[in-house]
Amino acid sequence: MTDSNALDPEDRKIVTLARSARARNGVPEGAAVRDETGRTYVAGSVALDSLKLSALRTAVAMAVASGAKSLEAAAIVTEDAAARTEDLAAVRDLGGPGTPVLVAGPDGTVHTTVQAG
């Protein structure tokens, strides 16, 4: 586990934003990504009859739709122990294989940081 206080302030911010999205929307996952300019994009998981998206893929899609060219970091708040392969692929597609993905539990404690690659 990673002490959330030991995180870089910008990384702590995206974990907090992801946690807030999860709680505010009452969804299983919340995510946030930070683009190359420092802008953040926040999303919760989407579960419609015709559309199912993880929070992290939704946040990446929002970044792309807003004109982001790259990602500096991503965070997901979930009860799962790890980020899914499809989520890491979406982060890698925009940010590259070295983009860090912070995986935190519902309490905001970062359990692991993995590279998208």
Protein backbone atom coordinates (compact mmCIF):
# COMPACT_ATOMS: atom_id res chain seq x y z
CA MET A 1 0.00 0.00 0.00
CA THR A 2 1.04 3.55 -0.61
CA ASP A 3 0.54 6.23 2.02
CA SER A 4 -1.67 8.71 0.17
CA ASN A 5 0.09 11.54 2.01
CA ALA A 6 3.35 10.43 0.39
CA LEU A 7 1.93 10.93 -3.09
CA ASP A 8 2.81 13.89 -5.23
CA PRO A 9 0.11 16.56 -4.65
CA GLU A 10 -1.08 16.30 -8.25
CA ASP A 11 -1.42 12.51 -7.96
CA ARG A 12 -3.23 12.86 -4.64
CA LYS A 13 -5.60 15.29 -6.40
CA ILE A 14 -6.61 12.80 -9.11
CA VAL A 15 -7.16 10.07 -6.50
CA THR A 16 -9.40 12.46 -4.54
CA LEU A 17 -11.30 13.43 -7.70
CA ALA A 18 -11.80 9.77 -8.64
CA ARG A 19 -13.03 8.95 -5.16
CA SER A 20 -15.44 11.89 -5.25
CA ALA A 21 -16.87 10.83 -8.62
CA ARG A 22 -17.49 7.32 -7.30
CA ALA A 23 -19.25 8.58 -4.18
CA ARG A 24 -21.20 11.39 -5.83
CA ASN A 25 -22.61 9.17 -8.57
CA GLY A 26 -23.05 6.03 -6.49
CA VAL A 27 -21.16 3.93 -9.02
CA PRO A 28 -18.72 1.04 -8.50
CA GLU A 29 -15.74 2.96 -9.91
CA GLY A 30 -14.48 6.50 -10.14
CA ALA A 31 -11.51 7.62 -12.21
CA ALA A 32 -9.53 10.70 -13.10
CA VAL A 33 -6.80 11.36 -15.63
CA ARG A 34 -4.40 14.29 -15.97
CA ASP A 35 -3.35 15.40 -19.45
CA GLU A 36 -0.10 16.90 -20.67
CA THR A 37 -1.24 20.42 -19.75
CA GLY A 38 -2.32 19.49 -16.22
CA ARG A 39 -6.05 19.48 -16.97
CA THR A 40 -8.03 16.74 -15.26
CA TYR A 41 -10.96 14.69 -16.50
CA VAL A 42 -13.16 12.85 -14.02
CA ALA A 43 -15.71 10.10 -14.61
CA GLY A 44 -17.66 7.30 -13.04
CA SER A 45 -18.46 3.95 -14.56
CA VAL A 46 -21.33 3.87 -17.06
CA ALA A 47 -23.88 1.05 -16.96
CA LEU A 48 -26.68 1.56 -19.46
CA ASP A 49 -28.51 -1.23 -21.25
CA SER A 50 -26.78 -0.25 -24.48
CA LEU A 51 -23.47 1.07 -23.13
CA LYS A 52 -21.09 -0.25 -20.49
CA LEU A 53 -17.83 1.61 -19.81
CA SER A 54 -15.41 1.51 -16.94
CA ALA A 55 -14.69 4.77 -15.17
CA LEU A 56 -11.11 4.86 -16.45
CA ARG A 57 -12.07 4.32 -20.09
CA THR A 58 -14.75 7.00 -19.73
CA ALA A 59 -12.21 9.47 -18.28
CA VAL A 60 -9.77 8.74 -21.13
CA ALA A 61 -12.57 9.23 -23.67
CA MET A 62 -13.45 12.57 -22.07
CA ALA A 63 -9.81 13.66 -22.32
CA VAL A 64 -9.61 12.68 -25.99
CA ALA A 65 -12.93 14.39 -26.76
CA SER A 66 -11.59 17.56 -25.11
CA GLY A 67 -8.44 17.60 -27.23
CA ALA A 68 -5.85 16.05 -24.91
CA LYS A 69 -2.79 14.83 -26.79
CA SER A 70 -1.23 12.78 -23.98
CA LEU A 71 -1.67 11.76 -20.34
CA GLU A 72 0.65 12.33 -17.40
CA ALA A 73 -1.16 10.02 -14.95
CA ALA A 74 -4.40 8.21 -14.20
CA ALA A 75 -6.17 7.05 -11.05
CA ILE A 76 -8.99 4.62 -10.44
CA VAL A 77 -10.93 4.09 -7.21
CA THR A 78 -12.48 0.65 -7.09
CA GLU A 79 -13.02 -2.36 -4.90
CA ASP A 80 -11.08 -4.44 -7.45
CA ALA A 81 -7.51 -5.35 -6.57
CA ALA A 82 -6.07 -4.25 -9.91
CA ALA A 83 -6.83 -2.23 -13.02
CA ARG A 84 -8.32 -4.22 -15.89
CA THR A 85 -6.30 -4.89 -19.03
CA GLU A 86 -8.76 -2.89 -21.18
CA ASP A 87 -8.41 0.12 -18.88
CA LEU A 88 -4.63 0.02 -19.02
CA ALA A 89 -4.81 -0.25 -22.82
CA ALA A 90 -6.92 2.93 -23.04
CA VAL A 91 -4.43 4.83 -20.85
CA ARG A 92 -1.53 3.44 -22.91
CA ASP A 93 -3.17 4.47 -26.19
CA LEU A 94 -3.22 8.12 -25.12
CA GLY A 95 -0.40 8.39 -22.60
CA GLY A 96 2.07 5.76 -23.67
CA PRO A 97 3.31 2.62 -21.91
CA GLY A 98 5.04 4.45 -19.05
CA THR A 99 1.95 6.34 -17.86
CA PRO A 100 1.39 5.61 -14.18
CA VAL A 101 -2.02 4.30 -13.12
CA LEU A 102 -2.79 4.57 -9.42
CA VAL A 103 -5.24 1.96 -8.15
CA ALA A 104 -6.97 2.96 -4.91
CA GLY A 105 -9.63 1.46 -2.72
CA PRO A 106 -12.90 3.21 -1.82
CA ASP A 107 -11.19 4.90 1.15
CA GLY A 108 -8.67 6.54 -1.21
CA THR A 109 -5.71 4.43 -0.11
CA VAL A 110 -3.52 3.68 -3.12
CA HIS A 111 -2.91 -0.08 -3.19
CA THR A 112 -0.69 -0.16 -6.22
CA THR A 113 0.74 1.95 -9.01
CA VAL A 114 1.27 0.26 -12.35
CA GLN A 115 2.46 1.45 -15.71
CA ALA A 116 -0.05 1.41 -18.53
CA GLY A 117 2.34 -0.51 -20.71
